[in-house]
Amino acid sequence: MKTLLWNIKKEKLGGFGTVEMILLIVVLIAVVLIFKSQITSLVQSIFQNITSQALSV
């Protein structure tokens, strides 16, 4: 009986399954699509700062 309960407990503590991985990827893609313009402007401003500081060195 103890081994049966241990096996059930062990299954529930397992790692990511396929469904969880697919859901995570879908959520990440949705976040990127929603905030695409903000991410693009942020990256552009970071590269502009890097370029301006590199020219001053």
PDB file of N, CA and C in Angstrom:
ATOM      1  N   MET A   1       0.820  -1.196   0.000  1.00  0.00           N
ATOM      2  CA  MET A   1       0.000   0.000   0.000  1.00  0.00           C
ATOM      3  C   MET A   1       0.864   1.261   0.000  1.00  0.00           C
ATOM      4  N   LYS A   2       1.942   1.231   0.790  1.00  0.00           N
ATOM      5  CA  LYS A   2       2.823   2.391   0.846  1.00  0.00           C
ATOM      6  C   LYS A   2       3.478   2.655  -0.506  1.00  0.00           C
ATOM      7  N   THR A   3       3.865   1.590  -1.182  1.00  0.00           N
ATOM      8  CA  THR A   3       4.516   1.788  -2.481  1.00  0.00           C
ATOM      9  C   THR A   3       3.532   2.352  -3.500  1.00  0.00           C
ATOM     10  N   LEU A   4       2.263   1.966  -3.430  1.00  0.00           N
ATOM     11  CA  LEU A   4       1.259   2.504  -4.341  1.00  0.00           C
ATOM     12  C   LEU A   4       1.087   4.001  -4.110  1.00  0.00           C
ATOM     13  N   LEU A   5       0.981   4.410  -2.853  1.00  0.00           N
ATOM     14  CA  LEU A   5       0.855   5.833  -2.547  1.00  0.00           C
ATOM     15  C   LEU A   5       2.114   6.593  -2.948  1.00  0.00           C
ATOM     16  N   TRP A   6       3.281   5.992  -2.743  1.00  0.00           N
ATOM     17  CA  TRP A   6       4.539   6.643  -3.111  1.00  0.00           C
ATOM     18  C   TRP A   6       4.617   6.842  -4.626  1.00  0.00           C
ATOM     19  N   ASN A   7       4.180   5.852  -5.396  1.00  0.00           N
ATOM     20  CA  ASN A   7       4.208   5.969  -6.852  1.00  0.00           C
ATOM     21  C   ASN A   7       3.247   7.053  -7.343  1.00  0.00           C
ATOM     22  N   ILE A   8       2.069   7.156  -6.734  1.00  0.00           N
ATOM     23  CA  ILE A   8       1.111   8.201  -7.108  1.00  0.00           C
ATOM     24  C   ILE A   8       1.691   9.575  -6.785  1.00  0.00           C
ATOM     25  N   LYS A   9       2.289   9.706  -5.608  1.00  0.00           N
ATOM     26  CA  LYS A   9       2.894  10.968  -5.200  1.00  0.00           C
ATOM     27  C   LYS A   9       4.054  11.328  -6.129  1.00  0.00           C
ATOM     28  N   LYS A  10       4.838  10.344  -6.501  1.00  0.00           N
ATOM     29  CA  LYS A  10       5.986  10.563  -7.370  1.00  0.00           C
ATOM     30  C   LYS A  10       5.546  11.037  -8.752  1.00  0.00           C
ATOM     31  N   GLU A  11       4.430  10.494  -9.284  1.00  0.00           N
ATOM     32  CA  GLU A  11       3.914  10.911 -10.587  1.00  0.00           C
ATOM     33  C   GLU A  11       3.476  12.361 -10.569  1.00  0.00           C
ATOM     34  N   LYS A  12       2.845  12.802  -9.514  1.00  0.00           N
ATOM     35  CA  LYS A  12       2.357  14.176  -9.427  1.00  0.00           C
ATOM     36  C   LYS A  12       3.505  15.177  -9.328  1.00  0.00           C
ATOM     37  N   LEU A  13       4.646  14.763  -8.826  1.00  0.00           N
ATOM     38  CA  LEU A  13       5.779  15.660  -8.672  1.00  0.00           C
ATOM     39  C   LEU A  13       6.693  15.647  -9.885  1.00  0.00           C
ATOM     40  N   GLY A  14       6.283  15.042 -10.970  1.00  0.00           N
ATOM     41  CA  GLY A  14       7.109  14.931 -12.165  1.00  0.00           C
ATOM     42  C   GLY A  14       7.355  16.277 -12.815  1.00  0.00           C
ATOM     43  N   GLY A  15       8.187  16.280 -13.843  1.00  0.00           N
ATOM     44  CA  GLY A  15       8.546  17.507 -14.531  1.00  0.00           C
ATOM     45  C   GLY A  15       7.456  17.964 -15.474  1.00  0.00           C
ATOM     46  N   PHE A  16       7.839  18.886 -16.361  1.00  0.00           N
ATOM     47  CA  PHE A  16       6.903  19.429 -17.344  1.00  0.00           C
ATOM     48  C   PHE A  16       6.453  18.353 -18.304  1.00  0.00           C
ATOM     49  N   GLY A  17       5.176  18.376 -18.623  1.00  0.00           N
ATOM     50  CA  GLY A  17       4.642  17.491 -19.638  1.00  0.00           C
ATOM     51  C   GLY A  17       4.530  18.231 -20.957  1.00  0.00           C
ATOM     52  N   THR A  18       4.086  17.531 -21.963  1.00  0.00           N
ATOM     53  CA  THR A  18       3.967  18.127 -23.288  1.00  0.00           C
ATOM     54  C   THR A  18       2.934  19.246 -23.303  1.00  0.00           C
ATOM     55  N   VAL A  19       1.822  19.047 -22.642  1.00  0.00           N
ATOM     56  CA  VAL A  19       0.755  20.056 -22.622  1.00  0.00           C
ATOM     57  C   VAL A  19       1.236  21.326 -21.938  1.00  0.00           C
ATOM     58  N   GLU A  20       1.923  21.189 -20.834  1.00  0.00           N
ATOM     59  CA  GLU A  20       2.428  22.360 -20.130  1.00  0.00           C
ATOM     60  C   GLU A  20       3.432  23.118 -20.974  1.00  0.00           C
ATOM     61  N   MET A  21       4.299  22.393 -21.682  1.00  0.00           N
ATOM     62  CA  MET A  21       5.296  23.032 -22.527  1.00  0.00           C
ATOM     63  C   MET A  21       4.635  23.792 -23.669  1.00  0.00           C
ATOM     64  N   ILE A  22       3.623  23.197 -24.296  1.00  0.00           N
ATOM     65  CA  ILE A  22       2.912  23.866 -25.397  1.00  0.00           C
ATOM     66  C   ILE A  22       2.194  25.115 -24.883  1.00  0.00           C
ATOM     67  N   LEU A  23       1.552  25.025 -23.732  1.00  0.00           N
ATOM     68  CA  LEU A  23       0.874  26.190 -23.158  1.00  0.00           C
ATOM     69  C   LEU A  23       1.858  27.309 -22.844  1.00  0.00           C
ATOM     70  N   LEU A  24       3.011  26.968 -22.324  1.00  0.00           N
ATOM     71  CA  LEU A  24       4.032  27.966 -22.017  1.00  0.00           C
ATOM     72  C   LEU A  24       4.502  28.661 -23.286  1.00  0.00           C
ATOM     73  N   ILE A  25       4.729  27.917 -24.338  1.00  0.00           N
ATOM     74  CA  ILE A  25       5.168  28.498 -25.610  1.00  0.00           C
ATOM     75  C   ILE A  25       4.084  29.405 -26.181  1.00  0.00           C
ATOM     76  N   VAL A  26       2.826  28.978 -26.120  1.00  0.00           N
ATOM     77  CA  VAL A  26       1.722  29.793 -26.625  1.00  0.00           C
ATOM     78  C   VAL A  26       1.616  31.101 -25.856  1.00  0.00           C
ATOM     79  N   VAL A  27       1.754  31.053 -24.546  1.00  0.00           N
ATOM     80  CA  VAL A  27       1.676  32.262 -23.728  1.00  0.00           C
ATOM     81  C   VAL A  27       2.832  33.199 -24.059  1.00  0.00           C
ATOM     82  N   LEU A  28       4.034  32.665 -24.219  1.00  0.00           N
ATOM     83  CA  LEU A  28       5.178  33.509 -24.549  1.00  0.00           C
ATOM     84  C   LEU A  28       5.006  34.174 -25.911  1.00  0.00           C
ATOM     85  N   ILE A  29       4.512  33.450 -26.892  1.00  0.00           N
ATOM     86  CA  ILE A  29       4.276  34.024 -28.213  1.00  0.00           C
ATOM     87  C   ILE A  29       3.211  35.119 -28.133  1.00  0.00           C
ATOM     88  N   ALA A  30       2.161  34.889 -27.357  1.00  0.00           N
ATOM     89  CA  ALA A  30       1.105  35.896 -27.204  1.00  0.00           C
ATOM     90  C   ALA A  30       1.645  37.164 -26.555  1.00  0.00           C
ATOM     91  N   VAL A  31       2.477  37.015 -25.545  1.00  0.00           N
ATOM     92  CA  VAL A  31       3.061  38.191 -24.881  1.00  0.00           C
ATOM     93  C   VAL A  31       3.937  38.970 -25.849  1.00  0.00           C
ATOM     94  N   VAL A  32       4.734  38.266 -26.640  1.00  0.00           N
ATOM     95  CA  VAL A  32       5.595  38.941 -27.610  1.00  0.00           C
ATOM     96  C   VAL A  32       4.749  39.681 -28.648  1.00  0.00           C
ATOM     97  N   LEU A  33       3.683  39.064 -29.120  1.00  0.00           N
ATOM     98  CA  LEU A  33       2.832  39.726 -30.112  1.00  0.00           C
ATOM     99  C   LEU A  33       2.114  40.943 -29.533  1.00  0.00           C
ATOM    100  N   ILE A  34       1.703  40.856 -28.290  1.00  0.00           N
ATOM    101  CA  ILE A  34       0.990  41.971 -27.660  1.00  0.00           C
ATOM    102  C   ILE A  34       1.936  43.156 -27.451  1.00  0.00           C
ATOM    103  N   PHE A  35       3.154  42.891 -26.995  1.00  0.00           N
ATOM    104  CA  PHE A  35       4.089  43.958 -26.661  1.00  0.00           C
ATOM    105  C   PHE A  35       5.180  44.142 -27.712  1.00  0.00           C
ATOM    106  N   LYS A  36       4.892  43.781 -28.955  1.00  0.00           N
ATOM    107  CA  LYS A  36       5.900  43.834 -30.016  1.00  0.00           C
ATOM    108  C   LYS A  36       6.461  45.241 -30.208  1.00  0.00           C
ATOM    109  N   SER A  37       5.614  46.235 -30.282  1.00  0.00           N
ATOM    110  CA  SER A  37       6.091  47.594 -30.528  1.00  0.00           C
ATOM    111  C   SER A  37       6.906  48.118 -29.348  1.00  0.00           C
ATOM    112  N   GLN A  38       6.492  47.814 -28.135  1.00  0.00           N
ATOM    113  CA  GLN A  38       7.242  48.265 -26.963  1.00  0.00           C
ATOM    114  C   GLN A  38       8.614  47.588 -26.893  1.00  0.00           C
ATOM    115  N   ILE A  39       8.652  46.298 -27.213  1.00  0.00           N
ATOM    116  CA  ILE A  39       9.919  45.566 -27.194  1.00  0.00           C
ATOM    117  C   ILE A  39      10.854  46.115 -28.260  1.00  0.00           C
ATOM    118  N   THR A  40      10.306  46.401 -29.461  1.00  0.00           N
ATOM    119  CA  THR A  40      11.124  46.922 -30.550  1.00  0.00           C
ATOM    120  C   THR A  40      11.703  48.278 -30.190  1.00  0.00           C
ATOM    121  N   SER A  41      10.900  49.168 -29.638  1.00  0.00           N
ATOM    122  CA  SER A  41      11.405  50.494 -29.271  1.00  0.00           C
ATOM    123  C   SER A  41      12.425  50.406 -28.142  1.00  0.00           C
ATOM    124  N   LEU A  42      12.233  49.507 -27.211  1.00  0.00           N
ATOM    125  CA  LEU A  42      13.192  49.337 -26.125  1.00  0.00           C
ATOM    126  C   LEU A  42      14.539  48.859 -26.653  1.00  0.00           C
ATOM    127  N   VAL A  43      14.506  47.863 -27.523  1.00  0.00           N
ATOM    128  CA  VAL A  43      15.759  47.335 -28.082  1.00  0.00           C
ATOM    129  C   VAL A  43      16.457  48.393 -28.916  1.00  0.00           C
ATOM    130  N   GLN A  44      15.715  49.175 -29.691  1.00  0.00           N
ATOM    131  CA  GLN A  44      16.320  50.225 -30.500  1.00  0.00           C
ATOM    132  C   GLN A  44      16.974  51.286 -29.634  1.00  0.00           C
ATOM    133  N   SER A  45      16.323  51.679 -28.561  1.00  0.00           N
ATOM    134  CA  SER A  45      16.923  52.687 -27.680  1.00  0.00           C
ATOM    135  C   SER A  45      18.166  52.150 -26.980  1.00  0.00           C
ATOM    136  N   ILE A  46      18.156  50.878 -26.627  1.00  0.00           N
ATOM    137  CA  ILE A  46      19.346  50.281 -26.007  1.00  0.00           C
ATOM    138  C   ILE A  46      20.510  50.287 -26.988  1.00  0.00           C
ATOM    139  N   PHE A  47      20.254  49.903 -28.242  1.00  0.00           N
ATOM    140  CA  PHE A  47      21.322  49.895 -29.237  1.00  0.00           C
ATOM    141  C   PHE A  47      21.802  51.306 -29.567  1.00  0.00           C
ATOM    142  N   GLN A  48      20.921  52.287 -29.549  1.00  0.00           N
ATOM    143  CA  GLN A  48      21.341  53.669 -29.770  1.00  0.00           C
ATOM    144  C   GLN A  48      22.251  54.140 -28.652  1.00  0.00           C
ATOM    145  N   ASN A  49      21.918  53.783 -27.407  1.00  0.00           N
ATOM    146  CA  ASN A  49      22.778  54.144 -26.277  1.00  0.00           C
ATOM    147  C   ASN A  49      24.138  53.471 -26.389  1.00  0.00           C
ATOM    148  N   ILE A  50      24.153  52.222 -26.776  1.00  0.00           N
ATOM    149  CA  ILE A  50      25.413  51.499 -26.920  1.00  0.00           C
ATOM    150  C   ILE A  50      26.255  52.151 -28.007  1.00  0.00           C
ATOM    151  N   THR A  51      25.627  52.489 -29.132  1.00  0.00           N
ATOM    152  CA  THR A  51      26.352  53.085 -30.239  1.00  0.00           C
ATOM    153  C   THR A  51      26.916  54.456 -29.854  1.00  0.00           C
ATOM    154  N   SER A  52      26.117  55.271 -29.209  1.00  0.00           N
ATOM    155  CA  SER A  52      26.584  56.618 -28.834  1.00  0.00           C
ATOM    156  C   SER A  52      27.707  56.534 -27.801  1.00  0.00           C
ATOM    157  N   GLN A  53      27.627  55.609 -26.876  1.00  0.00           N
ATOM    158  CA  GLN A  53      28.680  55.472 -25.876  1.00  0.00           C
ATOM    159  C   GLN A  53      29.939  54.849 -26.460  1.00  0.00           C
ATOM    160  N   ALA A  54      29.775  54.001 -27.460  1.00  0.00           N
ATOM    161  CA  ALA A  54      30.945  53.388 -28.099  1.00  0.00           C
ATOM    162  C   ALA A  54      31.701  54.432 -28.925  1.00  0.00           C
ATOM    163  N   LEU A  55      30.988  55.373 -29.523  1.00  0.00           N
ATOM    164  CA  LEU A  55      31.643  56.409 -30.305  1.00  0.00           C
ATOM    165  C   LEU A  55      32.403  57.395 -29.441  1.00  0.00           C
ATOM    166  N   SER A  56      31.986  57.563 -28.203  1.00  0.00           N
ATOM    167  CA  SER A  56      32.657  58.506 -27.307  1.00  0.00           C
ATOM    168  C   SER A  56      33.912  57.932 -26.662  1.00  0.00           C
ATOM    169  N   VAL A  57      34.136  56.650 -26.800  1.00  0.00           N
ATOM    170  CA  VAL A  57      35.312  56.006 -26.187  1.00  0.00           C
ATOM    171  C   VAL A  57      36.520  56.181 -27.027  1.00  0.00           C
TER     172      VAL A  57
END
